[in-house]
Amino acid sequence: MTRFPPRQYSMRVLRRYFSVFLIISLSVFGTAKTGRATAVKELPVLVTVTELSAQPDQYDGHRVVVTGRIRSVEIQRGRRGSEFLILVLEEDSPAPSKTVQVYSPSLPSVKPGDRAMVQGIYHQEGRQAGRPFENFVDAEVILPDKP
């Protein structure tokens, strides 16, 4: 019986085997812990400002689309110096109506008096730019809306 000498692997081959092992183990075990590979964005729910005000618990933390008339636009500065925008959105009716605040890190192409459609995540309370807010939409998209 002949014994063969132990095989010597070069450093390049060992690195390649280790890389393949690392990629396989991260793809199998890494996604199970974080859950990011299976996370799917929730479809937005079309709501009115009145519905958000009447049932805030139902929409808290959910993606919504809300339309209305912009009452005011205010640029504010966060604790770290970054600028953000606060819109006050109201129902498009002649009578005084409920309002909802909209937080946006970018400046949309709308002004007070315009109709707008806002898509984002509604929160009953939370922090944006280091400040506490209540009953607001963290806007992903703000678009001008046709009457």
C-alpha atoms as a PDB file:
ATOM      1  CA  MET A   1       0.000   0.000   0.000  1.00  0.00           C
ATOM      2  CA  THR A   2       1.487   3.257  -1.127  1.00  0.00           C
ATOM      3  CA  ARG A   3       0.972   6.421   0.881  1.00  0.00           C
ATOM      4  CA  PHE A   4       0.751   9.676  -0.944  1.00  0.00           C
ATOM      5  CA  PRO A   5       2.317  12.764   0.560  1.00  0.00           C
ATOM      6  CA  PRO A   6      -0.106  15.344   1.985  1.00  0.00           C
ATOM      7  CA  ARG A   7      -1.363  17.731  -0.637  1.00  0.00           C
ATOM      8  CA  GLN A   8      -0.114  21.292  -0.432  1.00  0.00           C
ATOM      9  CA  TYR A   9      -2.657  23.973  -1.361  1.00  0.00           C
ATOM     10  CA  SER A  10      -1.585  27.381  -2.493  1.00  0.00           C
ATOM     11  CA  MET A  11      -2.851  30.426  -0.652  1.00  0.00           C
ATOM     12  CA  ARG A  12      -4.888  31.473  -3.715  1.00  0.00           C
ATOM     13  CA  VAL A  13      -6.808  28.180  -3.754  1.00  0.00           C
ATOM     14  CA  LEU A  14      -7.488  28.388  -0.007  1.00  0.00           C
ATOM     15  CA  ARG A  15      -8.825  31.932  -0.366  1.00  0.00           C
ATOM     16  CA  ARG A  16     -11.128  30.843  -3.183  1.00  0.00           C
ATOM     17  CA  TYR A  17     -12.532  27.950  -1.106  1.00  0.00           C
ATOM     18  CA  PHE A  18     -12.999  30.235   1.876  1.00  0.00           C
ATOM     19  CA  SER A  19     -14.773  32.849  -0.275  1.00  0.00           C
ATOM     20  CA  VAL A  20     -17.171  30.273  -1.691  1.00  0.00           C
ATOM     21  CA  PHE A  21     -17.862  28.916   1.796  1.00  0.00           C
ATOM     22  CA  LEU A  22     -18.469  32.441   3.159  1.00  0.00           C
ATOM     23  CA  ILE A  23     -20.872  33.382   0.347  1.00  0.00           C
ATOM     24  CA  ILE A  24     -22.881  30.177   0.743  1.00  0.00           C
ATOM     25  CA  SER A  25     -23.085  30.440   4.524  1.00  0.00           C
ATOM     26  CA  LEU A  26     -24.138  34.104   4.436  1.00  0.00           C
ATOM     27  CA  SER A  27     -26.787  33.456   1.818  1.00  0.00           C
ATOM     28  CA  VAL A  28     -28.236  30.580   3.849  1.00  0.00           C
ATOM     29  CA  PHE A  29     -27.917  31.930   7.388  1.00  0.00           C
ATOM     30  CA  GLY A  30     -27.707  35.695   6.872  1.00  0.00           C
ATOM     31  CA  THR A  31     -31.172  36.228   5.384  1.00  0.00           C
ATOM     32  CA  ALA A  32     -32.939  34.131   8.008  1.00  0.00           C
ATOM     33  CA  LYS A  33     -31.750  36.404  10.810  1.00  0.00           C
ATOM     34  CA  THR A  34     -32.385  39.772   9.187  1.00  0.00           C
ATOM     35  CA  GLY A  35     -35.441  38.876   7.126  1.00  0.00           C
ATOM     36  CA  ARG A  36     -34.513  41.510   4.559  1.00  0.00           C
ATOM     37  CA  ALA A  37     -34.503  39.173   1.606  1.00  0.00           C
ATOM     38  CA  THR A  38     -38.178  38.311   2.142  1.00  0.00           C
ATOM     39  CA  ALA A  39     -39.392  41.794   3.138  1.00  0.00           C
ATOM     40  CA  VAL A  40     -41.858  43.206   0.614  1.00  0.00           C
ATOM     41  CA  LYS A  41     -43.122  46.778   0.631  1.00  0.00           C
ATOM     42  CA  GLU A  42     -46.709  47.082   1.715  1.00  0.00           C
ATOM     43  CA  LEU A  43     -49.133  48.452  -0.876  1.00  0.00           C
ATOM     44  CA  PRO A  44     -50.493  51.880   0.096  1.00  0.00           C
ATOM     45  CA  VAL A  45     -54.080  52.377   1.255  1.00  0.00           C
ATOM     46  CA  LEU A  46     -56.051  55.295  -0.202  1.00  0.00           C
ATOM     47  CA  VAL A  47     -57.453  57.349   2.702  1.00  0.00           C
ATOM     48  CA  THR A  48     -58.803  60.826   3.334  1.00  0.00           C
ATOM     49  CA  VAL A  49     -57.555  63.303   5.914  1.00  0.00           C
ATOM     50  CA  THR A  50     -60.812  62.824   7.835  1.00  0.00           C
ATOM     51  CA  GLU A  51     -60.312  59.037   7.967  1.00  0.00           C
ATOM     52  CA  LEU A  52     -56.763  59.494   9.278  1.00  0.00           C
ATOM     53  CA  SER A  53     -58.025  61.832  11.997  1.00  0.00           C
ATOM     54  CA  ALA A  54     -60.992  59.615  12.925  1.00  0.00           C
ATOM     55  CA  GLN A  55     -59.123  56.264  13.098  1.00  0.00           C
ATOM     56  CA  PRO A  56     -55.397  56.923  13.652  1.00  0.00           C
ATOM     57  CA  ASP A  57     -54.805  53.512  15.280  1.00  0.00           C
ATOM     58  CA  GLN A  58     -55.947  51.699  12.140  1.00  0.00           C
ATOM     59  CA  TYR A  59     -53.368  53.421   9.905  1.00  0.00           C
ATOM     60  CA  ASP A  60     -50.450  53.846  12.347  1.00  0.00           C
ATOM     61  CA  GLY A  61     -47.268  52.459  10.767  1.00  0.00           C
ATOM     62  CA  HIS A  62     -48.955  51.682   7.439  1.00  0.00           C
ATOM     63  CA  ARG A  63     -48.281  53.086   3.973  1.00  0.00           C
ATOM     64  CA  VAL A  64     -51.042  55.465   2.886  1.00  0.00           C
ATOM     65  CA  VAL A  65     -51.948  57.725  -0.026  1.00  0.00           C
ATOM     66  CA  VAL A  66     -53.809  60.862   0.990  1.00  0.00           C
ATOM     67  CA  THR A  67     -54.949  63.792  -1.146  1.00  0.00           C
ATOM     68  CA  GLY A  68     -55.977  67.283  -0.189  1.00  0.00           C
ATOM     69  CA  ARG A  69     -55.248  70.975  -0.410  1.00  0.00           C
ATOM     70  CA  ILE A  70     -52.002  72.330   1.019  1.00  0.00           C
ATOM     71  CA  ARG A  71     -52.747  74.844   3.747  1.00  0.00           C
ATOM     72  CA  SER A  72     -49.138  75.772   4.520  1.00  0.00           C
ATOM     73  CA  VAL A  73     -45.539  74.912   3.664  1.00  0.00           C
ATOM     74  CA  GLU A  74     -42.776  75.495   6.189  1.00  0.00           C
ATOM     75  CA  ILE A  75     -39.069  74.797   5.839  1.00  0.00           C
ATOM     76  CA  GLN A  76     -37.452  73.879   9.145  1.00  0.00           C
ATOM     77  CA  ARG A  77     -33.963  72.933  10.227  1.00  0.00           C
ATOM     78  CA  GLY A  78     -33.248  69.759  12.181  1.00  0.00           C
ATOM     79  CA  ARG A  79     -30.977  69.434  15.201  1.00  0.00           C
ATOM     80  CA  ARG A  80     -28.013  68.518  13.009  1.00  0.00           C
ATOM     81  CA  GLY A  81     -28.592  71.315  10.533  1.00  0.00           C
ATOM     82  CA  SER A  82     -30.417  69.430   7.790  1.00  0.00           C
ATOM     83  CA  GLU A  83     -33.435  71.111   6.260  1.00  0.00           C
ATOM     84  CA  PHE A  84     -36.802  69.416   5.989  1.00  0.00           C
ATOM     85  CA  LEU A  85     -40.259  70.433   4.931  1.00  0.00           C
ATOM     86  CA  ILE A  86     -43.516  70.365   6.876  1.00  0.00           C
ATOM     87  CA  LEU A  87     -46.724  70.544   4.833  1.00  0.00           C
ATOM     88  CA  VAL A  88     -50.144  70.904   6.401  1.00  0.00           C
ATOM     89  CA  LEU A  89     -52.642  69.011   4.258  1.00  0.00           C
ATOM     90  CA  GLU A  90     -56.406  69.567   4.654  1.00  0.00           C
ATOM     91  CA  GLU A  91     -59.563  68.181   3.080  1.00  0.00           C
ATOM     92  CA  ASP A  92     -60.587  69.954  -0.079  1.00  0.00           C
ATOM     93  CA  SER A  93     -63.864  71.376   1.233  1.00  0.00           C
ATOM     94  CA  PRO A  94     -65.154  74.900   1.927  1.00  0.00           C
ATOM     95  CA  ALA A  95     -65.972  74.119   5.574  1.00  0.00           C
ATOM     96  CA  PRO A  96     -63.157  73.977   8.164  1.00  0.00           C
ATOM     97  CA  SER A  97     -61.756  70.479   8.138  1.00  0.00           C
ATOM     98  CA  LYS A  98     -59.228  68.198   9.768  1.00  0.00           C
ATOM     99  CA  THR A  99     -55.566  68.471   8.865  1.00  0.00           C
ATOM    100  CA  VAL A 100     -52.562  66.169   8.790  1.00  0.00           C
ATOM    101  CA  GLN A 101     -48.892  67.147   8.854  1.00  0.00           C
ATOM    102  CA  VAL A 102     -46.590  65.791   6.165  1.00  0.00           C
ATOM    103  CA  TYR A 103     -42.842  65.488   6.766  1.00  0.00           C
ATOM    104  CA  SER A 104     -40.603  65.542   3.694  1.00  0.00           C
ATOM    105  CA  PRO A 105     -36.800  65.618   3.521  1.00  0.00           C
ATOM    106  CA  SER A 106     -36.973  66.979  -0.050  1.00  0.00           C
ATOM    107  CA  LEU A 107     -38.632  70.039  -1.533  1.00  0.00           C
ATOM    108  CA  PRO A 108     -41.621  69.083  -3.736  1.00  0.00           C
ATOM    109  CA  SER A 109     -42.986  71.212  -6.570  1.00  0.00           C
ATOM    110  CA  VAL A 110     -46.163  72.286  -4.761  1.00  0.00           C
ATOM    111  CA  LYS A 111     -47.151  75.483  -2.952  1.00  0.00           C
ATOM    112  CA  PRO A 112     -49.911  76.554  -0.544  1.00  0.00           C
ATOM    113  CA  GLY A 113     -53.336  76.359  -2.153  1.00  0.00           C
ATOM    114  CA  ASP A 114     -52.353  73.550  -4.539  1.00  0.00           C
ATOM    115  CA  ARG A 115     -53.918  70.118  -4.423  1.00  0.00           C
ATOM    116  CA  ALA A 116     -51.395  67.392  -3.663  1.00  0.00           C
ATOM    117  CA  MET A 117     -51.219  63.638  -3.452  1.00  0.00           C
ATOM    118  CA  VAL A 118     -48.909  62.292  -0.725  1.00  0.00           C
ATOM    119  CA  GLN A 119     -47.678  58.724  -0.358  1.00  0.00           C
ATOM    120  CA  GLY A 120     -45.862  57.736   2.791  1.00  0.00           C
ATOM    121  CA  ILE A 121     -46.049  56.025   6.160  1.00  0.00           C
ATOM    122  CA  TYR A 122     -48.514  57.419   8.694  1.00  0.00           C
ATOM    123  CA  HIS A 123     -47.415  57.694  12.337  1.00  0.00           C
ATOM    124  CA  GLN A 124     -49.419  58.722  15.374  1.00  0.00           C
ATOM    125  CA  GLU A 125     -46.212  59.810  17.056  1.00  0.00           C
ATOM    126  CA  GLY A 126     -42.561  59.681  16.179  1.00  0.00           C
ATOM    127  CA  ARG A 127     -39.352  61.621  15.704  1.00  0.00           C
ATOM    128  CA  GLN A 128     -38.096  63.220  12.521  1.00  0.00           C
ATOM    129  CA  ALA A 129     -34.907  65.293  12.302  1.00  0.00           C
ATOM    130  CA  GLY A 130     -34.509  64.947  16.065  1.00  0.00           C
ATOM    131  CA  ARG A 131     -37.902  66.477  16.893  1.00  0.00           C
ATOM    132  CA  PRO A 132     -41.076  64.817  18.155  1.00  0.00           C
ATOM    133  CA  PHE A 133     -44.157  64.912  15.904  1.00  0.00           C
ATOM    134  CA  GLU A 134     -47.724  63.633  16.254  1.00  0.00           C
ATOM    135  CA  ASN A 135     -50.185  62.517  13.566  1.00  0.00           C
ATOM    136  CA  PHE A 136     -47.955  62.911  10.533  1.00  0.00           C
ATOM    137  CA  VAL A 137     -47.127  61.240   7.242  1.00  0.00           C
ATOM    138  CA  ASP A 138     -43.458  60.547   6.532  1.00  0.00           C
ATOM    139  CA  ALA A 139     -43.653  61.295   2.814  1.00  0.00           C
ATOM    140  CA  GLU A 140     -42.017  59.116   0.195  1.00  0.00           C
ATOM    141  CA  VAL A 141     -43.627  60.962  -2.732  1.00  0.00           C
ATOM    142  CA  ILE A 142     -45.470  64.303  -2.990  1.00  0.00           C
ATOM    143  CA  LEU A 143     -47.072  65.027  -6.349  1.00  0.00           C
ATOM    144  CA  PRO A 144     -49.355  67.795  -7.618  1.00  0.00           C
ATOM    145  CA  ASP A 145     -52.903  66.461  -7.912  1.00  0.00           C
ATOM    146  CA  LYS A 146     -55.438  67.411 -10.553  1.00  0.00           C
ATOM    147  CA  PRO A 147     -58.759  68.807  -9.250  1.00  0.00           C
END
